[in-house]
C-alpha cells in the first residue's frame, strides 16, 4: 500500500455536511477551518445528485490550501471526478480494495468501524485510517448503534493497526480527552459548523488537540 498522506496526528477532522449547513456556505466554512489550522476535511452530501456533489467538492477543494486533504464521503466516483484526495467508505459502500482500484495511487481511503471486532478486521483492509464510533450520541446521523464513550474509544485505539478517527456527537470541549485516549483524529460536524462561529469553533478545537501534543512533548 502506498504510504499515507495523512498528517500524524490527524488532529481535528472537519466533516463538511451539506445536511447540516447549506452547500453554498461550505466552501467558506472550509476556508475558515483551514485558516484555524485544520488540515483534513471530509465532504458529505447524502442528498445531492452526483453532478451537484462533484461541483460542491470542487468548490471546497478550491477554497482549501494546497496542503489540506479533502476526502469524499461514500462516493469514489465523485472523488475521482472532483480531484479530491480520497474517499471514506462504510460497510454498505464499495470495499476499500475496490476504491483503491478506482482512485489514483496515493489516494487516502478511510473505513468506518463500530465495534472492536470491526476495528481488528480492518487490519486486513487496504485503508489508511479507520473511523470509530459513535463515541457519543450523534445529532447528525441516526445509526441505532450504542455509544462507546471514551473508554470504548481507548480500547479501539489500542486494538487498531491504523490511525483511528473518533466520530459521533463530539463537541469542542471533548477533543482533548479523545486525543488523549489515543485517537489520531477527532471528527467534528455540528461542533464546527456553527453559523457565524466556524473559525472560532475550529480554532478552539485545534487548540484542544494541540494541548495533548504539548503535554506529551513539552518544550525543553
C-alpha atoms as a PDB file:
ATOM      1  CA  UNK A   1       0.000   0.000   0.000  1.00  0.00           C
ATOM      2  CA  UNK A   2       1.294   3.493  -0.880  1.00  0.00           C
ATOM      3  CA  UNK A   3       2.463   5.429   2.194  1.00  0.00           C
ATOM      4  CA  UNK A   4      -0.336   7.536   3.621  1.00  0.00           C
ATOM      5  CA  UNK A   5      -0.547  11.270   3.014  1.00  0.00           C
ATOM      6  CA  UNK A   6      -2.359  11.813   6.284  1.00  0.00           C
ATOM      7  CA  UNK A   7      -0.741  14.077   8.873  1.00  0.00           C
ATOM      8  CA  UNK A   8       0.409  12.382  12.072  1.00  0.00           C
ATOM      9  CA  UNK A   9      -1.546  13.013  14.187  1.00  0.00           C
ATOM     10  CA  UNK A  10      -4.565  13.726  12.034  1.00  0.00           C
ATOM     11  CA  UNK A  11      -5.907  16.218  14.561  1.00  0.00           C
ATOM     12  CA  UNK A  12      -9.256  17.889  14.003  1.00  0.00           C
ATOM     13  CA  UNK A  13     -11.056  16.197  11.091  1.00  0.00           C
ATOM     14  CA  UNK A  14     -13.728  18.551   9.751  1.00  0.00           C
ATOM     15  CA  UNK A  15     -16.797  16.943   8.197  1.00  0.00           C
ATOM     16  CA  UNK A  16     -18.498  19.412   5.870  1.00  0.00           C
ATOM     17  CA  UNK A  17     -22.032  18.072   5.845  1.00  0.00           C
ATOM     18  CA  UNK A  18     -24.489  19.532   3.336  1.00  0.00           C
ATOM     19  CA  UNK A  19     -27.293  18.314   5.581  1.00  0.00           C
ATOM     20  CA  UNK A  20     -26.084  20.490   8.457  1.00  0.00           C
ATOM     21  CA  UNK A  21     -25.011  23.647   6.599  1.00  0.00           C
ATOM     22  CA  UNK A  22     -26.266  24.822   3.193  1.00  0.00           C
ATOM     23  CA  UNK A  23     -23.927  23.593   0.429  1.00  0.00           C
ATOM     24  CA  UNK A  24     -23.296  27.149  -0.757  1.00  0.00           C
ATOM     25  CA  UNK A  25     -21.834  28.011   2.657  1.00  0.00           C
ATOM     26  CA  UNK A  26     -19.488  25.022   2.934  1.00  0.00           C
ATOM     27  CA  UNK A  27     -16.522  26.368   0.891  1.00  0.00           C
ATOM     28  CA  UNK A  28     -16.293  29.415   3.161  1.00  0.00           C
ATOM     29  CA  UNK A  29     -16.625  27.190   6.221  1.00  0.00           C
ATOM     30  CA  UNK A  30     -13.799  25.005   4.906  1.00  0.00           C
ATOM     31  CA  UNK A  31     -11.583  28.041   4.376  1.00  0.00           C
ATOM     32  CA  UNK A  32     -12.322  29.260   7.905  1.00  0.00           C
ATOM     33  CA  UNK A  33     -11.415  25.881   9.386  1.00  0.00           C
ATOM     34  CA  UNK A  34      -8.214  25.725   7.347  1.00  0.00           C
ATOM     35  CA  UNK A  35      -7.220  29.213   8.487  1.00  0.00           C
ATOM     36  CA  UNK A  36      -7.617  27.968  12.059  1.00  0.00           C
ATOM     37  CA  UNK A  37      -5.271  25.035  11.486  1.00  0.00           C
ATOM     38  CA  UNK A  38      -7.497  22.158  10.324  1.00  0.00           C
ATOM     39  CA  UNK A  39      -5.818  20.105   7.597  1.00  0.00           C
ATOM     40  CA  UNK A  40      -8.132  17.116   6.980  1.00  0.00           C
ATOM     41  CA  UNK A  41     -11.644  17.561   5.611  1.00  0.00           C
ATOM     42  CA  UNK A  42     -14.458  15.298   4.502  1.00  0.00           C
ATOM     43  CA  UNK A  43     -17.357  16.488   2.363  1.00  0.00           C
ATOM     44  CA  UNK A  44     -20.653  14.676   2.959  1.00  0.00           C
ATOM     45  CA  UNK A  45     -23.745  15.273   0.809  1.00  0.00           C
ATOM     46  CA  UNK A  46     -26.158  12.370   1.151  1.00  0.00           C
ATOM     47  CA  UNK A  47     -28.990  14.119  -0.684  1.00  0.00           C
ATOM     48  CA  UNK A  48     -27.133  15.775  -3.566  1.00  0.00           C
ATOM     49  CA  UNK A  49     -27.162  14.354  -7.084  1.00  0.00           C
ATOM     50  CA  UNK A  50     -23.781  13.279  -8.409  1.00  0.00           C
ATOM     51  CA  UNK A  51     -23.233  16.363 -10.542  1.00  0.00           C
ATOM     52  CA  UNK A  52     -24.044  18.774  -7.721  1.00  0.00           C
ATOM     53  CA  UNK A  53     -21.850  16.758  -5.363  1.00  0.00           C
ATOM     54  CA  UNK A  54     -18.919  16.994  -7.768  1.00  0.00           C
ATOM     55  CA  UNK A  55     -19.361  20.759  -8.110  1.00  0.00           C
ATOM     56  CA  UNK A  56     -19.501  21.128  -4.335  1.00  0.00           C
ATOM     57  CA  UNK A  57     -16.346  19.082  -3.862  1.00  0.00           C
ATOM     58  CA  UNK A  58     -14.521  21.145  -6.486  1.00  0.00           C
ATOM     59  CA  UNK A  59     -15.611  24.403  -4.838  1.00  0.00           C
ATOM     60  CA  UNK A  60     -14.399  23.180  -1.450  1.00  0.00           C
ATOM     61  CA  UNK A  61     -11.097  21.967  -2.896  1.00  0.00           C
ATOM     62  CA  UNK A  62     -10.542  25.394  -4.434  1.00  0.00           C
ATOM     63  CA  UNK A  63     -11.240  27.057  -1.087  1.00  0.00           C
ATOM     64  CA  UNK A  64      -8.627  24.966   0.724  1.00  0.00           C
ATOM     65  CA  UNK A  65      -4.848  25.433   0.817  1.00  0.00           C
ATOM     66  CA  UNK A  66      -2.709  23.002  -1.148  1.00  0.00           C
ATOM     67  CA  UNK A  67      -1.550  21.165   1.981  1.00  0.00           C
ATOM     68  CA  UNK A  68      -5.087  20.337   3.122  1.00  0.00           C
ATOM     69  CA  UNK A  69      -6.639  16.957   2.313  1.00  0.00           C
ATOM     70  CA  UNK A  70     -10.194  16.673   1.005  1.00  0.00           C
ATOM     71  CA  UNK A  71     -11.902  13.301   1.377  1.00  0.00           C
ATOM     72  CA  UNK A  72     -15.299  12.499  -0.145  1.00  0.00           C
ATOM     73  CA  UNK A  73     -17.862  10.546   1.855  1.00  0.00           C
ATOM     74  CA  UNK A  74     -19.036   7.287   0.212  1.00  0.00           C
ATOM     75  CA  UNK A  75     -18.629   8.263  -3.448  1.00  0.00           C
ATOM     76  CA  UNK A  76     -15.423   7.143  -5.159  1.00  0.00           C
ATOM     77  CA  UNK A  77     -16.815   8.438  -8.468  1.00  0.00           C
ATOM     78  CA  UNK A  78     -17.281  11.923  -7.019  1.00  0.00           C
ATOM     79  CA  UNK A  79     -13.790  11.843  -5.513  1.00  0.00           C
ATOM     80  CA  UNK A  80     -12.317  10.886  -8.890  1.00  0.00           C
ATOM     81  CA  UNK A  81     -14.299  13.436 -10.877  1.00  0.00           C
ATOM     82  CA  UNK A  82     -13.584  16.291  -8.476  1.00  0.00           C
ATOM     83  CA  UNK A  83      -9.883  15.637  -7.972  1.00  0.00           C
ATOM     84  CA  UNK A  84     -10.349  15.068  -4.246  1.00  0.00           C
ATOM     85  CA  UNK A  85      -7.619  13.384  -2.231  1.00  0.00           C
ATOM     86  CA  UNK A  86      -9.550  10.277  -1.255  1.00  0.00           C
ATOM     87  CA  UNK A  87     -12.772   8.709  -0.084  1.00  0.00           C
ATOM     88  CA  UNK A  88     -14.270   7.440   3.152  1.00  0.00           C
ATOM     89  CA  UNK A  89     -16.465   4.343   2.947  1.00  0.00           C
ATOM     90  CA  UNK A  90     -18.514   2.204   5.303  1.00  0.00           C
ATOM     91  CA  UNK A  91     -19.628  -1.398   5.279  1.00  0.00           C
ATOM     92  CA  UNK A  92     -22.537  -0.614   2.939  1.00  0.00           C
ATOM     93  CA  UNK A  93     -20.342   1.107   0.336  1.00  0.00           C
ATOM     94  CA  UNK A  94     -17.635  -0.071  -2.036  1.00  0.00           C
ATOM     95  CA  UNK A  95     -14.969  -2.144  -0.324  1.00  0.00           C
ATOM     96  CA  UNK A  96     -11.652  -0.364   0.290  1.00  0.00           C
ATOM     97  CA  UNK A  97      -9.945  -2.662  -2.238  1.00  0.00           C
ATOM     98  CA  UNK A  98     -12.470  -1.639  -4.906  1.00  0.00           C
ATOM     99  CA  UNK A  99     -11.940   2.016  -4.043  1.00  0.00           C
ATOM    100  CA  UNK A 100      -8.194   1.536  -4.484  1.00  0.00           C
ATOM    101  CA  UNK A 101      -8.835   0.134  -7.956  1.00  0.00           C
ATOM    102  CA  UNK A 102     -10.779   3.264  -8.937  1.00  0.00           C
ATOM    103  CA  UNK A 103      -8.765   6.092  -7.405  1.00  0.00           C
ATOM    104  CA  UNK A 104      -5.234   7.182  -8.340  1.00  0.00           C
ATOM    105  CA  UNK A 105      -2.273   5.740  -6.422  1.00  0.00           C
ATOM    106  CA  UNK A 106      -1.655   7.603  -3.188  1.00  0.00           C
ATOM    107  CA  UNK A 107      -5.306   8.422  -2.595  1.00  0.00           C
ATOM    108  CA  UNK A 108      -6.452   8.342   1.029  1.00  0.00           C
ATOM    109  CA  UNK A 109      -9.005   5.657   1.929  1.00  0.00           C
ATOM    110  CA  UNK A 110     -10.856   5.644   5.238  1.00  0.00           C
ATOM    111  CA  UNK A 111     -13.189   2.968   6.568  1.00  0.00           C
ATOM    112  CA  UNK A 112     -15.914   3.155   9.223  1.00  0.00           C
ATOM    113  CA  UNK A 113     -15.945   0.712  12.149  1.00  0.00           C
ATOM    114  CA  UNK A 114     -18.402   0.382  15.011  1.00  0.00           C
ATOM    115  CA  UNK A 115     -17.008  -2.388  17.231  1.00  0.00           C
ATOM    116  CA  UNK A 116     -13.712  -3.834  18.389  1.00  0.00           C
ATOM    117  CA  UNK A 117     -14.220  -6.802  16.069  1.00  0.00           C
ATOM    118  CA  UNK A 118     -14.591  -4.465  13.089  1.00  0.00           C
ATOM    119  CA  UNK A 119     -11.527  -2.479  14.142  1.00  0.00           C
ATOM    120  CA  UNK A 120      -9.462  -5.661  14.316  1.00  0.00           C
ATOM    121  CA  UNK A 121     -10.800  -6.902  10.965  1.00  0.00           C
ATOM    122  CA  UNK A 122      -9.815  -3.600   9.342  1.00  0.00           C
ATOM    123  CA  UNK A 123      -6.172  -4.606   9.773  1.00  0.00           C
ATOM    124  CA  UNK A 124      -6.585  -6.757   6.659  1.00  0.00           C
ATOM    125  CA  UNK A 125      -8.095  -3.943   4.571  1.00  0.00           C
ATOM    126  CA  UNK A 126      -6.191  -1.504   2.345  1.00  0.00           C
ATOM    127  CA  UNK A 127      -7.310   1.578   4.259  1.00  0.00           C
ATOM    128  CA  UNK A 128      -5.206   4.402   5.684  1.00  0.00           C
ATOM    129  CA  UNK A 129      -7.297   5.059   8.780  1.00  0.00           C
ATOM    130  CA  UNK A 130     -10.444   3.825  10.482  1.00  0.00           C
ATOM    131  CA  UNK A 131     -13.318   5.884  11.787  1.00  0.00           C
ATOM    132  CA  UNK A 132     -14.698   4.580  15.082  1.00  0.00           C
ATOM    133  CA  UNK A 133     -17.994   5.471  16.673  1.00  0.00           C
ATOM    134  CA  UNK A 134     -20.349   6.662  17.670  1.00  0.00           C
ATOM    135  CA  UNK A 135     -18.325   7.829  20.633  1.00  0.00           C
ATOM    136  CA  UNK A 136     -21.226   9.954  21.837  1.00  0.00           C
ATOM    137  CA  UNK A 137     -24.809  10.353  20.669  1.00  0.00           C
ATOM    138  CA  UNK A 138     -24.772  11.912  17.211  1.00  0.00           C
ATOM    139  CA  UNK A 139     -27.275  14.577  16.241  1.00  0.00           C
ATOM    140  CA  UNK A 140     -26.400  14.399  12.553  1.00  0.00           C
ATOM    141  CA  UNK A 141     -26.585  10.680  11.814  1.00  0.00           C
ATOM    142  CA  UNK A 142     -29.057   8.233  13.362  1.00  0.00           C
ATOM    143  CA  UNK A 143     -27.463   4.798  13.310  1.00  0.00           C
ATOM    144  CA  UNK A 144     -29.221   2.935  16.110  1.00  0.00           C
ATOM    145  CA  UNK A 145     -25.801   1.900  17.408  1.00  0.00           C
ATOM    146  CA  UNK A 146     -24.821   2.258  21.048  1.00  0.00           C
ATOM    147  CA  UNK A 147     -22.399   4.911  22.216  1.00  0.00           C
ATOM    148  CA  UNK A 148     -18.899   3.673  23.017  1.00  0.00           C
ATOM    149  CA  UNK A 149     -17.729   6.588  25.147  1.00  0.00           C
ATOM    150  CA  UNK A 150     -14.120   7.488  25.857  1.00  0.00           C
ATOM    151  CA  UNK A 151     -13.392   4.056  27.355  1.00  0.00           C
ATOM    152  CA  UNK A 152     -14.613   2.263  24.237  1.00  0.00           C
ATOM    153  CA  UNK A 153     -12.620   4.588  22.015  1.00  0.00           C
ATOM    154  CA  UNK A 154      -9.481   3.927  24.039  1.00  0.00           C
ATOM    155  CA  UNK A 155      -9.942   0.162  23.579  1.00  0.00           C
ATOM    156  CA  UNK A 156     -10.453   0.632  19.834  1.00  0.00           C
ATOM    157  CA  UNK A 157      -7.293   2.711  19.526  1.00  0.00           C
ATOM    158  CA  UNK A 158      -5.317   0.063  21.389  1.00  0.00           C
ATOM    159  CA  UNK A 159      -6.663  -2.654  19.081  1.00  0.00           C
ATOM    160  CA  UNK A 160      -6.176  -0.820  15.793  1.00  0.00           C
ATOM    161  CA  UNK A 161      -3.219  -1.136  13.450  1.00  0.00           C
ATOM    162  CA  UNK A 162      -4.373   2.046  11.679  1.00  0.00           C
ATOM    163  CA  UNK A 163      -4.810   5.606  12.936  1.00  0.00           C
ATOM    164  CA  UNK A 164      -8.246   5.999  14.496  1.00  0.00           C
ATOM    165  CA  UNK A 165     -10.597   8.917  13.907  1.00  0.00           C
ATOM    166  CA  UNK A 166     -13.209   9.309  16.653  1.00  0.00           C
ATOM    167  CA  UNK A 167     -16.665  10.259  15.417  1.00  0.00           C
ATOM    168  CA  UNK A 168     -20.110  10.844  16.849  1.00  0.00           C
ATOM    169  CA  UNK A 169     -21.547  13.782  18.800  1.00  0.00           C
ATOM    170  CA  UNK A 170     -18.182  15.406  19.521  1.00  0.00           C
ATOM    171  CA  UNK A 171     -18.063  18.947  20.916  1.00  0.00           C
ATOM    172  CA  UNK A 172     -15.044  21.211  21.194  1.00  0.00           C
ATOM    173  CA  UNK A 173     -14.715  20.576  24.927  1.00  0.00           C
ATOM    174  CA  UNK A 174     -14.275  16.829  24.317  1.00  0.00           C
ATOM    175  CA  UNK A 175     -11.462  16.995  21.757  1.00  0.00           C
ATOM    176  CA  UNK A 176      -8.615  16.928  24.252  1.00  0.00           C
ATOM    177  CA  UNK A 177      -9.938  13.857  26.096  1.00  0.00           C
ATOM    178  CA  UNK A 178     -10.449  11.932  22.855  1.00  0.00           C
ATOM    179  CA  UNK A 179      -6.963  12.705  21.602  1.00  0.00           C
ATOM    180  CA  UNK A 180      -5.577  11.722  24.991  1.00  0.00           C
ATOM    181  CA  UNK A 181      -7.484   8.418  24.719  1.00  0.00           C
ATOM    182  CA  UNK A 182      -5.463   7.565  21.621  1.00  0.00           C
ATOM    183  CA  UNK A 183      -7.467   8.936  18.711  1.00  0.00           C
ATOM    184  CA  UNK A 184      -5.215  10.299  15.977  1.00  0.00           C
ATOM    185  CA  UNK A 185      -8.112  12.350  14.652  1.00  0.00           C
ATOM    186  CA  UNK A 186     -11.334  13.771  16.041  1.00  0.00           C
ATOM    187  CA  UNK A 187     -14.166  14.188  13.543  1.00  0.00           C
ATOM    188  CA  UNK A 188     -16.497  17.106  14.098  1.00  0.00           C
ATOM    189  CA  UNK A 189     -19.629  18.206  12.274  1.00  0.00           C
ATOM    190  CA  UNK A 190     -22.160  20.285  14.210  1.00  0.00           C
ATOM    191  CA  UNK A 191     -19.449  21.213  16.722  1.00  0.00           C
ATOM    192  CA  UNK A 192     -17.698  23.111  13.917  1.00  0.00           C
ATOM    193  CA  UNK A 193     -20.487  24.143  11.555  1.00  0.00           C
ATOM    194  CA  UNK A 194     -21.942  26.847  13.761  1.00  0.00           C
ATOM    195  CA  UNK A 195     -23.170  29.762  11.623  1.00  0.00           C
ATOM    196  CA  UNK A 196     -21.035  32.832  12.201  1.00  0.00           C
ATOM    197  CA  UNK A 197     -18.671  30.975  14.525  1.00  0.00           C
ATOM    198  CA  UNK A 198     -16.907  28.398  12.341  1.00  0.00           C
ATOM    199  CA  UNK A 199     -13.452  29.973  12.662  1.00  0.00           C
ATOM    200  CA  UNK A 200     -13.889  30.373  16.431  1.00  0.00           C
ATOM    201  CA  UNK A 201     -15.012  26.763  16.905  1.00  0.00           C
ATOM    202  CA  UNK A 202     -12.247  25.401  14.693  1.00  0.00           C
ATOM    203  CA  UNK A 203      -9.547  27.394  16.475  1.00  0.00           C
ATOM    204  CA  UNK A 204     -10.784  26.188  19.860  1.00  0.00           C
ATOM    205  CA  UNK A 205     -10.854  22.550  18.680  1.00  0.00           C
ATOM    206  CA  UNK A 206      -7.357  22.787  17.175  1.00  0.00           C
ATOM    207  CA  UNK A 207      -6.137  24.284  20.441  1.00  0.00           C
ATOM    208  CA  UNK A 208      -7.609  21.381  22.398  1.00  0.00           C
ATOM    209  CA  UNK A 209      -5.854  18.877  20.125  1.00  0.00           C
ATOM    210  CA  UNK A 210      -2.559  20.768  20.275  1.00  0.00           C
ATOM    211  CA  UNK A 211      -2.643  20.764  24.070  1.00  0.00           C
ATOM    212  CA  UNK A 212      -2.339  16.979  24.041  1.00  0.00           C
ATOM    213  CA  UNK A 213       0.781  17.109  21.867  1.00  0.00           C
ATOM    214  CA  UNK A 214       2.296  19.816  24.066  1.00  0.00           C
ATOM    215  CA  UNK A 215       1.694  17.693  27.151  1.00  0.00           C
ATOM    216  CA  UNK A 216       3.354  14.688  25.513  1.00  0.00           C
ATOM    217  CA  UNK A 217       6.325  16.625  24.137  1.00  0.00           C
ATOM    218  CA  UNK A 218       6.898  19.619  26.418  1.00  0.00           C
ATOM    219  CA  UNK A 219       9.392  22.222  25.276  1.00  0.00           C
ATOM    220  CA  UNK A 220      12.814  21.670  26.753  1.00  0.00           C
END
